[in-house]
């Protein structure tokens, strides 16, 4: 009887793991090419956190990589799972009110010289799915060039003091940011 119970529990555990892997097919792979990364800052006890997968250029031009994204001109701004923003406080992101909670971040590249940050309400999804109807809003990003070429995609949450800062995305020769205020 004891071995029957153990066998049932083992089978149930394996089936659950298989089902989770089927729901997240990328989880079955050893993904060292685009490892998971995190950017976070605390503003007076409130956290702003971005979880993403960080692809590398590996000799490829940035826009050649992006144009393979089937949601173009909307880009997932990462790899694997869609980039996730979690905030413990209400935010003002470049004029867009973002209530505390979780959101997916995308970037509009309709004009490759003037990126827009897209805050989308649909979360926990594969990064190649995008539903414009779920957008909370879009804000223009301030474009600049990093001091040196950025090989690995990097999101940053930067605290400038007084509950102000910025969210910044850097890759190759592009740096795009949006000011943030924690309310």
N, C-alpha and C. Protein backbone atom coordinates (compact mmCIF):
# COMPACT_ATOMS: atom_id res chain seq x y z
N UNK A 1 0.83 -1.19 0.00
CA UNK A 1 0.00 0.00 0.00
C UNK A 1 0.88 1.27 0.00
N UNK A 2 1.91 1.25 0.86
CA UNK A 2 2.80 2.40 0.96
C UNK A 2 3.48 2.67 -0.39
N UNK A 3 3.93 1.62 -1.07
CA UNK A 3 4.59 1.82 -2.36
C UNK A 3 3.61 2.29 -3.42
N UNK A 4 2.33 1.90 -3.33
CA UNK A 4 1.32 2.37 -4.27
C UNK A 4 1.10 3.87 -4.11
N UNK A 5 1.03 4.34 -2.86
CA UNK A 5 0.86 5.77 -2.59
C UNK A 5 2.07 6.55 -3.12
N UNK A 6 3.26 6.05 -2.88
CA UNK A 6 4.49 6.71 -3.37
C UNK A 6 4.49 6.76 -4.89
N UNK A 7 4.08 5.68 -5.53
CA UNK A 7 4.04 5.64 -6.99
C UNK A 7 3.04 6.66 -7.54
N UNK A 8 1.87 6.77 -6.90
CA UNK A 8 0.85 7.73 -7.33
C UNK A 8 1.37 9.16 -7.17
N UNK A 9 1.99 9.45 -6.02
CA UNK A 9 2.53 10.80 -5.78
C UNK A 9 3.64 11.13 -6.77
N UNK A 10 4.50 10.18 -7.07
CA UNK A 10 5.58 10.41 -8.03
C UNK A 10 5.00 10.68 -9.42
N UNK A 11 4.02 9.90 -9.83
CA UNK A 11 3.39 10.08 -11.13
C UNK A 11 2.71 11.44 -11.21
N UNK A 12 2.01 11.84 -10.15
CA UNK A 12 1.34 13.15 -10.13
C UNK A 12 2.37 14.27 -10.22
N UNK A 13 3.49 14.14 -9.53
CA UNK A 13 4.54 15.16 -9.57
C UNK A 13 5.16 15.27 -10.95
N UNK A 14 5.42 14.14 -11.59
CA UNK A 14 5.98 14.17 -12.94
C UNK A 14 4.99 14.76 -13.94
N UNK A 15 3.71 14.42 -13.80
CA UNK A 15 2.69 14.96 -14.70
C UNK A 15 2.56 16.47 -14.54
N UNK A 16 2.62 16.96 -13.30
CA UNK A 16 2.54 18.40 -13.06
C UNK A 16 3.72 19.11 -13.70
N UNK A 17 4.91 18.57 -13.51
CA UNK A 17 6.10 19.16 -14.12
C UNK A 17 6.01 19.17 -15.64
N UNK A 18 5.48 18.09 -16.21
CA UNK A 18 5.32 18.04 -17.66
C UNK A 18 4.33 19.09 -18.14
N UNK A 19 3.22 19.25 -17.43
CA UNK A 19 2.22 20.23 -17.82
C UNK A 19 2.77 21.66 -17.72
N UNK A 20 3.53 21.95 -16.69
CA UNK A 20 4.13 23.27 -16.55
C UNK A 20 5.10 23.52 -17.70
N UNK A 21 5.90 22.51 -18.04
CA UNK A 21 6.85 22.66 -19.15
C UNK A 21 6.10 22.87 -20.47
N UNK A 22 4.95 22.23 -20.63
CA UNK A 22 4.18 22.42 -21.86
C UNK A 22 3.62 23.83 -21.94
N UNK A 23 3.24 24.39 -20.80
CA UNK A 23 2.72 25.75 -20.76
C UNK A 23 3.82 26.76 -21.03
N UNK A 24 5.04 26.44 -20.63
CA UNK A 24 6.20 27.30 -20.82
C UNK A 24 7.27 26.52 -21.57
N UNK A 25 7.14 26.36 -22.90
CA UNK A 25 8.08 25.52 -23.64
C UNK A 25 9.52 25.97 -23.52
N UNK A 26 9.76 27.27 -23.32
CA UNK A 26 11.12 27.78 -23.20
C UNK A 26 11.77 27.32 -21.90
N UNK A 27 10.99 26.91 -20.91
CA UNK A 27 11.54 26.48 -19.62
C UNK A 27 12.25 25.13 -19.74
N UNK A 28 11.99 24.40 -20.81
CA UNK A 28 12.61 23.09 -20.99
C UNK A 28 14.03 23.20 -21.51
N UNK A 29 14.40 24.35 -21.97
CA UNK A 29 15.72 24.53 -22.58
C UNK A 29 16.69 25.15 -21.58
N UNK A 30 17.95 24.82 -21.71
CA UNK A 30 18.98 25.49 -20.94
C UNK A 30 19.29 26.78 -21.68
N UNK A 31 18.71 27.86 -21.22
CA UNK A 31 18.81 29.11 -21.98
C UNK A 31 19.92 30.00 -21.44
N UNK A 32 21.13 29.69 -21.81
CA UNK A 32 22.25 30.54 -21.40
C UNK A 32 22.46 31.68 -22.38
N UNK A 33 21.78 31.64 -23.54
CA UNK A 33 21.94 32.71 -24.52
C UNK A 33 21.20 33.98 -24.12
N UNK A 34 20.10 33.82 -23.40
CA UNK A 34 19.31 34.97 -22.93
C UNK A 34 18.91 34.72 -21.48
N UNK A 35 19.86 34.84 -20.56
CA UNK A 35 19.57 34.52 -19.16
C UNK A 35 18.58 35.51 -18.53
N UNK A 36 17.89 35.03 -17.50
CA UNK A 36 16.98 35.89 -16.77
C UNK A 36 17.77 36.98 -16.07
N UNK A 37 17.18 38.17 -16.01
CA UNK A 37 17.83 39.31 -15.36
C UNK A 37 16.77 40.12 -14.62
N UNK A 38 17.24 41.02 -13.78
CA UNK A 38 16.34 41.80 -12.94
C UNK A 38 16.93 43.19 -12.74
N UNK A 39 16.05 44.18 -12.78
CA UNK A 39 16.45 45.56 -12.47
C UNK A 39 15.47 46.05 -11.42
N UNK A 40 15.99 46.66 -10.35
CA UNK A 40 15.08 47.07 -9.29
C UNK A 40 15.67 48.22 -8.50
N UNK A 41 14.76 49.03 -7.96
CA UNK A 41 15.15 50.12 -7.06
C UNK A 41 14.04 50.30 -6.04
N UNK A 42 14.45 50.73 -4.85
CA UNK A 42 13.50 51.02 -3.78
C UNK A 42 13.37 52.53 -3.64
N UNK A 43 12.13 52.99 -3.57
CA UNK A 43 11.81 54.40 -3.42
C UNK A 43 11.01 54.55 -2.15
N UNK A 44 11.66 54.93 -1.05
CA UNK A 44 10.96 55.12 0.21
C UNK A 44 10.18 53.89 0.65
N UNK A 45 10.78 52.71 0.50
CA UNK A 45 10.12 51.48 0.91
C UNK A 45 9.22 50.87 -0.14
N UNK A 46 9.07 51.49 -1.26
CA UNK A 46 8.27 50.96 -2.38
C UNK A 46 9.22 50.51 -3.48
N UNK A 47 9.00 49.31 -3.99
CA UNK A 47 9.90 48.73 -4.98
C UNK A 47 9.34 48.83 -6.39
N UNK A 48 10.20 49.17 -7.32
CA UNK A 48 9.91 49.11 -8.75
C UNK A 48 10.89 48.09 -9.31
N UNK A 49 10.34 47.05 -9.95
CA UNK A 49 11.13 45.89 -10.34
C UNK A 49 10.81 45.49 -11.78
N UNK A 50 11.83 45.20 -12.57
CA UNK A 50 11.65 44.73 -13.94
C UNK A 50 12.35 43.38 -14.07
N UNK A 51 11.60 42.35 -14.46
CA UNK A 51 12.15 41.02 -14.73
C UNK A 51 12.13 40.79 -16.23
N UNK A 52 13.25 40.33 -16.77
CA UNK A 52 13.36 40.15 -18.21
C UNK A 52 14.41 39.09 -18.52
N UNK A 53 14.46 38.66 -19.76
CA UNK A 53 15.54 37.81 -20.24
C UNK A 53 16.42 38.67 -21.13
N UNK A 54 17.73 38.54 -20.96
CA UNK A 54 18.69 39.45 -21.57
C UNK A 54 19.45 38.81 -22.73
N UNK A 55 19.00 39.04 -23.97
CA UNK A 55 19.74 38.51 -25.12
C UNK A 55 21.03 39.28 -25.36
N UNK A 56 21.96 38.64 -26.05
CA UNK A 56 23.23 39.26 -26.44
C UNK A 56 23.23 39.50 -27.94
N UNK A 57 24.03 40.45 -28.37
CA UNK A 57 24.13 40.75 -29.80
C UNK A 57 24.79 39.61 -30.57
N UNK A 58 25.87 39.06 -30.05
CA UNK A 58 26.63 37.99 -30.69
C UNK A 58 26.91 38.30 -32.16
N UNK A 59 27.36 39.54 -32.42
CA UNK A 59 27.75 39.93 -33.77
C UNK A 59 26.61 40.34 -34.68
N UNK A 60 25.39 40.32 -34.17
CA UNK A 60 24.22 40.68 -34.99
C UNK A 60 23.83 42.13 -34.73
N UNK A 61 23.48 42.88 -35.77
CA UNK A 61 22.98 44.24 -35.56
C UNK A 61 21.62 44.21 -34.84
N UNK A 62 21.41 45.16 -33.96
CA UNK A 62 20.22 45.19 -33.11
C UNK A 62 18.91 45.13 -33.91
N UNK A 63 18.82 45.90 -34.99
CA UNK A 63 17.56 45.94 -35.72
C UNK A 63 17.33 44.67 -36.55
N UNK A 64 18.39 43.94 -36.89
CA UNK A 64 18.22 42.63 -37.53
C UNK A 64 17.58 41.65 -36.55
N UNK A 65 17.96 41.73 -35.29
CA UNK A 65 17.39 40.87 -34.26
C UNK A 65 15.93 41.23 -34.03
N UNK A 66 15.67 42.52 -33.89
CA UNK A 66 14.32 42.98 -33.58
C UNK A 66 13.32 42.67 -34.69
N UNK A 67 13.75 42.79 -35.94
CA UNK A 67 12.79 42.62 -37.04
C UNK A 67 12.29 41.18 -37.15
N UNK A 68 12.94 40.24 -36.47
CA UNK A 68 12.46 38.85 -36.46
C UNK A 68 11.29 38.66 -35.50
N UNK A 69 11.03 39.65 -34.67
CA UNK A 69 9.93 39.59 -33.71
C UNK A 69 8.62 39.71 -34.49
N UNK A 70 7.72 38.72 -34.42
CA UNK A 70 6.50 38.77 -35.22
C UNK A 70 5.52 39.88 -34.82
N UNK A 71 5.75 40.51 -33.69
CA UNK A 71 4.87 41.61 -33.26
C UNK A 71 5.35 42.97 -33.77
N UNK A 72 6.45 42.99 -34.53
CA UNK A 72 7.00 44.27 -35.00
C UNK A 72 5.94 45.07 -35.72
N UNK A 73 5.90 46.38 -35.55
CA UNK A 73 6.93 47.24 -34.98
C UNK A 73 6.91 47.33 -33.45
N UNK A 74 6.12 46.48 -32.80
CA UNK A 74 6.17 46.39 -31.34
C UNK A 74 7.18 45.31 -30.99
N UNK A 75 8.12 45.64 -30.11
CA UNK A 75 9.21 44.74 -29.74
C UNK A 75 9.07 44.36 -28.28
N UNK A 76 9.33 43.13 -27.95
CA UNK A 76 9.17 42.65 -26.57
C UNK A 76 10.26 43.14 -25.62
N UNK A 77 11.29 43.74 -26.14
CA UNK A 77 12.34 44.35 -25.32
C UNK A 77 12.95 43.37 -24.33
N UNK A 78 13.30 42.23 -24.84
CA UNK A 78 13.90 41.16 -24.06
C UNK A 78 13.80 39.87 -24.86
N UNK A 79 13.80 38.76 -24.17
CA UNK A 79 13.64 37.45 -24.81
C UNK A 79 12.78 36.59 -23.90
N UNK A 80 12.37 35.45 -24.41
CA UNK A 80 11.58 34.48 -23.64
C UNK A 80 10.24 35.08 -23.18
N UNK A 81 9.98 35.00 -21.85
CA UNK A 81 8.76 35.61 -21.30
C UNK A 81 8.75 37.09 -21.63
N UNK A 82 7.56 37.66 -21.71
CA UNK A 82 7.46 39.11 -21.88
C UNK A 82 8.08 39.81 -20.67
N UNK A 83 8.68 40.96 -20.90
CA UNK A 83 9.30 41.74 -19.82
C UNK A 83 8.23 42.19 -18.84
N UNK A 84 8.46 41.94 -17.55
CA UNK A 84 7.46 42.18 -16.52
C UNK A 84 7.87 43.34 -15.61
N UNK A 85 6.97 44.30 -15.45
CA UNK A 85 7.16 45.40 -14.51
C UNK A 85 6.27 45.14 -13.30
N UNK A 86 6.86 45.20 -12.10
CA UNK A 86 6.09 45.12 -10.86
C UNK A 86 6.38 46.38 -10.06
N UNK A 87 5.32 47.03 -9.59
CA UNK A 87 5.49 48.22 -8.76
C UNK A 87 4.61 48.12 -7.52
N UNK A 88 5.21 48.43 -6.37
CA UNK A 88 4.49 48.44 -5.09
C UNK A 88 3.74 49.75 -4.87
N UNK A 89 3.92 50.70 -5.77
CA UNK A 89 3.31 52.02 -5.61
C UNK A 89 2.77 52.50 -6.95
N UNK A 90 1.86 53.44 -6.91
CA UNK A 90 1.41 54.09 -8.13
C UNK A 90 2.60 54.88 -8.70
N UNK A 91 2.70 54.90 -10.03
CA UNK A 91 3.79 55.59 -10.70
C UNK A 91 3.26 56.60 -11.70
N UNK A 92 4.08 57.58 -11.97
CA UNK A 92 3.91 58.42 -13.15
C UNK A 92 5.12 58.09 -14.02
N UNK A 93 4.84 57.49 -15.18
CA UNK A 93 5.91 57.15 -16.13
C UNK A 93 5.79 58.10 -17.31
N UNK A 94 6.58 59.14 -17.32
CA UNK A 94 6.59 60.08 -18.42
C UNK A 94 5.22 60.68 -18.73
N UNK A 95 4.40 60.86 -17.68
CA UNK A 95 3.06 61.42 -17.86
C UNK A 95 1.95 60.38 -17.86
N UNK A 96 2.29 59.10 -17.90
CA UNK A 96 1.30 58.03 -17.85
C UNK A 96 1.13 57.57 -16.41
N UNK A 97 -0.10 57.59 -15.90
CA UNK A 97 -0.38 57.08 -14.55
C UNK A 97 -0.44 55.56 -14.60
N UNK A 98 0.42 54.92 -13.79
CA UNK A 98 0.49 53.47 -13.72
C UNK A 98 0.15 53.06 -12.29
N UNK A 99 -1.06 52.50 -12.06
CA UNK A 99 -1.41 52.04 -10.71
C UNK A 99 -0.50 50.91 -10.25
N UNK A 100 -0.30 50.79 -8.93
CA UNK A 100 0.55 49.72 -8.42
C UNK A 100 0.02 48.38 -8.94
N UNK A 101 0.96 47.46 -9.20
CA UNK A 101 0.58 46.16 -9.73
C UNK A 101 1.63 45.64 -10.69
N UNK A 102 1.21 44.74 -11.60
CA UNK A 102 2.12 44.13 -12.57
C UNK A 102 1.66 44.43 -13.98
N UNK A 103 2.65 44.62 -14.85
CA UNK A 103 2.40 44.98 -16.25
C UNK A 103 3.48 44.36 -17.12
N UNK A 104 3.20 44.27 -18.41
CA UNK A 104 4.19 43.84 -19.38
C UNK A 104 4.70 45.07 -20.10
N UNK A 105 6.01 45.13 -20.33
CA UNK A 105 6.61 46.24 -21.06
C UNK A 105 6.98 45.81 -22.47
N UNK A 106 6.58 46.61 -23.42
CA UNK A 106 6.98 46.46 -24.81
C UNK A 106 7.54 47.81 -25.25
N UNK A 107 8.17 47.83 -26.42
CA UNK A 107 8.68 49.08 -26.99
C UNK A 107 8.18 49.18 -28.43
N UNK A 108 7.60 50.33 -28.76
CA UNK A 108 7.18 50.58 -30.13
C UNK A 108 8.36 51.15 -30.90
N UNK A 109 8.64 50.53 -32.04
CA UNK A 109 9.74 50.96 -32.92
C UNK A 109 9.19 51.44 -34.26
N UNK A 110 7.98 51.98 -34.25
CA UNK A 110 7.41 52.50 -35.50
C UNK A 110 8.35 53.53 -36.11
N UNK A 111 8.99 54.33 -35.26
CA UNK A 111 10.04 55.24 -35.68
C UNK A 111 11.28 54.81 -34.90
N UNK A 112 12.25 54.22 -35.58
CA UNK A 112 13.42 53.65 -34.88
C UNK A 112 14.29 54.71 -34.21
N UNK A 113 14.04 55.98 -34.51
CA UNK A 113 14.79 57.06 -33.86
C UNK A 113 14.02 57.62 -32.66
N UNK A 114 12.74 57.27 -32.53
CA UNK A 114 11.90 57.79 -31.45
C UNK A 114 11.07 56.64 -30.87
N UNK A 115 11.68 55.91 -29.93
CA UNK A 115 11.01 54.76 -29.34
C UNK A 115 9.91 55.23 -28.38
N UNK A 116 8.92 54.34 -28.18
CA UNK A 116 7.87 54.58 -27.20
C UNK A 116 7.79 53.37 -26.28
N UNK A 117 7.70 53.62 -24.97
CA UNK A 117 7.50 52.55 -24.00
C UNK A 117 6.02 52.24 -23.95
N UNK A 118 5.68 50.97 -24.07
CA UNK A 118 4.29 50.52 -23.98
C UNK A 118 4.12 49.77 -22.67
N UNK A 119 3.14 50.21 -21.87
CA UNK A 119 2.78 49.52 -20.63
C UNK A 119 1.49 48.78 -20.93
N UNK A 120 1.56 47.44 -20.85
CA UNK A 120 0.45 46.58 -21.24
C UNK A 120 -0.07 45.83 -20.02
N UNK A 121 -1.39 45.70 -19.90
CA UNK A 121 -2.01 45.08 -18.73
C UNK A 121 -1.99 43.56 -18.75
N UNK A 122 -1.71 42.95 -19.90
CA UNK A 122 -1.69 41.49 -19.99
C UNK A 122 -0.34 40.99 -19.48
N UNK A 123 -0.35 40.12 -18.47
CA UNK A 123 0.90 39.67 -17.84
C UNK A 123 1.07 38.16 -17.96
N UNK A 124 2.25 37.69 -17.56
CA UNK A 124 2.62 36.27 -17.54
C UNK A 124 2.34 35.62 -18.88
N UNK A 125 2.96 36.14 -19.90
CA UNK A 125 2.76 35.64 -21.25
C UNK A 125 4.10 35.48 -21.94
N UNK A 126 4.08 34.71 -22.99
CA UNK A 126 5.24 34.56 -23.85
C UNK A 126 5.46 35.90 -24.54
N UNK A 127 6.67 36.31 -24.72
CA UNK A 127 6.97 37.64 -25.23
C UNK A 127 6.57 37.93 -26.65
N UNK A 128 6.18 36.93 -27.41
CA UNK A 128 5.82 37.17 -28.81
C UNK A 128 4.31 37.34 -28.99
N UNK A 129 3.60 37.48 -27.90
CA UNK A 129 2.17 37.77 -27.98
C UNK A 129 1.96 39.20 -27.52
N UNK A 130 1.24 39.96 -28.31
CA UNK A 130 0.98 41.35 -27.96
C UNK A 130 -0.44 41.69 -28.36
N UNK A 131 -1.19 42.25 -27.43
CA UNK A 131 -2.58 42.65 -27.67
C UNK A 131 -2.70 44.15 -27.38
N UNK A 132 -2.77 44.95 -28.43
CA UNK A 132 -2.84 46.40 -28.28
C UNK A 132 -4.03 46.83 -27.43
N UNK A 133 -5.12 46.07 -27.46
CA UNK A 133 -6.30 46.40 -26.66
C UNK A 133 -6.01 46.37 -25.16
N UNK A 134 -4.93 45.68 -24.77
CA UNK A 134 -4.56 45.59 -23.36
C UNK A 134 -3.60 46.70 -22.91
N UNK A 135 -3.26 47.62 -23.82
CA UNK A 135 -2.33 48.70 -23.45
C UNK A 135 -2.94 49.61 -22.39
N UNK A 136 -2.17 49.87 -21.34
CA UNK A 136 -2.52 50.91 -20.38
C UNK A 136 -2.18 52.25 -21.02
N UNK A 137 -1.08 52.27 -21.77
CA UNK A 137 -0.68 53.49 -22.47
C UNK A 137 0.72 53.39 -23.04
N UNK A 138 1.09 54.45 -23.75
CA UNK A 138 2.40 54.56 -24.39
C UNK A 138 2.99 55.92 -24.03
N UNK A 139 4.31 55.93 -23.84
CA UNK A 139 4.99 57.20 -23.56
C UNK A 139 6.27 57.27 -24.38
N UNK A 140 6.61 58.48 -24.85
CA UNK A 140 7.86 58.62 -25.61
C UNK A 140 9.07 58.38 -24.70
N UNK A 141 10.09 57.78 -25.28
CA UNK A 141 11.34 57.52 -24.56
C UNK A 141 12.37 58.53 -25.03
N UNK A 142 13.21 58.97 -24.10
CA UNK A 142 14.31 59.87 -24.43
C UNK A 142 15.45 59.02 -24.98
N UNK A 143 15.87 59.35 -26.19
CA UNK A 143 16.89 58.56 -26.87
C UNK A 143 18.28 59.19 -26.69
N UNK A 144 19.27 58.32 -26.48
CA UNK A 144 20.66 58.77 -26.42
C UNK A 144 21.55 57.58 -26.79
N UNK A 145 22.85 57.80 -26.70
CA UNK A 145 23.80 56.71 -26.97
C UNK A 145 24.53 56.40 -25.67
N UNK A 146 24.70 55.12 -25.37
CA UNK A 146 25.49 54.77 -24.18
C UNK A 146 26.96 55.13 -24.40
N UNK A 147 27.71 55.21 -23.31
CA UNK A 147 29.13 55.57 -23.39
C UNK A 147 29.91 54.58 -24.26
N UNK A 148 29.50 53.31 -24.22
CA UNK A 148 30.14 52.29 -25.05
C UNK A 148 29.08 51.29 -25.49
N UNK A 149 29.40 50.51 -26.49
CA UNK A 149 28.47 49.52 -27.04
C UNK A 149 28.02 48.56 -25.93
N UNK A 150 26.72 48.28 -25.88
CA UNK A 150 26.15 47.39 -24.86
C UNK A 150 25.85 46.05 -25.53
N UNK A 151 26.63 45.03 -25.20
CA UNK A 151 26.50 43.70 -25.81
C UNK A 151 25.24 42.97 -25.34
N UNK A 152 24.94 43.06 -24.05
CA UNK A 152 23.80 42.34 -23.47
C UNK A 152 22.71 43.34 -23.13
N UNK A 153 21.49 43.09 -23.62
CA UNK A 153 20.37 43.98 -23.33
C UNK A 153 20.26 44.23 -21.83
N UNK A 154 20.05 45.49 -21.45
CA UNK A 154 20.03 45.83 -20.03
C UNK A 154 18.91 46.82 -19.73
N UNK A 155 18.00 46.42 -18.83
CA UNK A 155 17.02 47.32 -18.25
C UNK A 155 17.59 47.82 -16.93
N UNK A 156 17.30 49.07 -16.57
CA UNK A 156 17.71 49.63 -15.29
C UNK A 156 16.54 50.43 -14.70
N UNK A 157 16.43 50.38 -13.39
CA UNK A 157 15.54 51.28 -12.66
C UNK A 157 16.46 52.13 -11.80
N UNK A 158 16.48 53.43 -12.08
CA UNK A 158 17.45 54.33 -11.46
C UNK A 158 16.74 55.29 -10.52
N UNK A 159 17.19 55.31 -9.26
CA UNK A 159 16.64 56.21 -8.24
C UNK A 159 17.45 57.50 -8.24
N UNK A 160 16.79 58.63 -8.51
CA UNK A 160 17.47 59.93 -8.51
C UNK A 160 17.22 60.71 -7.23
N UNK A 161 16.48 60.14 -6.30
CA UNK A 161 16.15 60.81 -5.04
C UNK A 161 14.80 61.50 -5.11
N UNK A 162 14.22 61.79 -3.95
CA UNK A 162 12.94 62.48 -3.85
C UNK A 162 11.83 61.77 -4.62
N UNK A 163 11.83 60.41 -4.56
CA UNK A 163 10.82 59.59 -5.24
C UNK A 163 10.80 59.78 -6.76
N UNK A 164 11.92 60.18 -7.32
CA UNK A 164 12.03 60.35 -8.77
C UNK A 164 13.17 59.48 -9.30
N UNK A 165 13.09 59.16 -10.57
CA UNK A 165 14.12 58.36 -11.20
C UNK A 165 13.79 58.15 -12.65
N UNK A 166 14.26 57.02 -13.18
CA UNK A 166 13.93 56.70 -14.56
C UNK A 166 14.05 55.19 -14.78
N UNK A 167 13.34 54.75 -15.81
CA UNK A 167 13.48 53.39 -16.32
C UNK A 167 14.28 53.54 -17.61
N UNK A 168 15.31 52.71 -17.75
CA UNK A 168 16.21 52.84 -18.89
C UNK A 168 16.45 51.48 -19.54
N UNK A 169 16.49 51.48 -20.85
CA UNK A 169 16.77 50.28 -21.64
C UNK A 169 17.98 50.59 -22.52
N UNK A 170 19.01 49.72 -22.46
CA UNK A 170 20.20 49.92 -23.27
C UNK A 170 20.53 48.63 -24.03
N UNK A 171 20.88 48.82 -25.29
CA UNK A 171 21.35 47.69 -26.10
C UNK A 171 22.05 48.24 -27.32
N UNK A 172 23.15 47.65 -27.66
CA UNK A 172 24.02 48.05 -28.76
C UNK A 172 24.39 49.53 -28.61
N UNK A 173 23.98 50.38 -29.54
CA UNK A 173 24.29 51.81 -29.47
C UNK A 173 23.07 52.65 -29.12
N UNK A 174 22.08 52.02 -28.53
CA UNK A 174 20.83 52.71 -28.19
C UNK A 174 20.61 52.71 -26.67
N UNK A 175 20.20 53.86 -26.19
CA UNK A 175 19.78 54.01 -24.80
C UNK A 175 18.47 54.78 -24.84
N UNK A 176 17.44 54.21 -24.21
CA UNK A 176 16.11 54.83 -24.21
C UNK A 176 15.60 54.84 -22.78
N UNK A 177 15.09 55.98 -22.34
CA UNK A 177 14.64 56.08 -20.95
C UNK A 177 13.33 56.84 -20.84
N UNK A 178 12.67 56.62 -19.70
CA UNK A 178 11.42 57.30 -19.37
C UNK A 178 11.54 57.75 -17.92
N UNK A 179 11.23 59.03 -17.63
CA UNK A 179 11.27 59.47 -16.23
C UNK A 179 10.14 58.80 -15.44
N UNK A 180 10.41 58.56 -14.16
CA UNK A 180 9.38 58.00 -13.29
C UNK A 180 9.31 58.78 -11.99
N UNK A 181 8.10 58.87 -11.48
CA UNK A 181 7.85 59.44 -10.16
C UNK A 181 7.01 58.44 -9.39
N UNK A 182 7.44 58.12 -8.19
CA UNK A 182 6.70 57.21 -7.32
C UNK A 182 5.75 58.08 -6.50
N UNK A 183 4.47 57.77 -6.57
CA UNK A 183 3.46 58.57 -5.86
C UNK A 183 3.21 58.06 -4.46
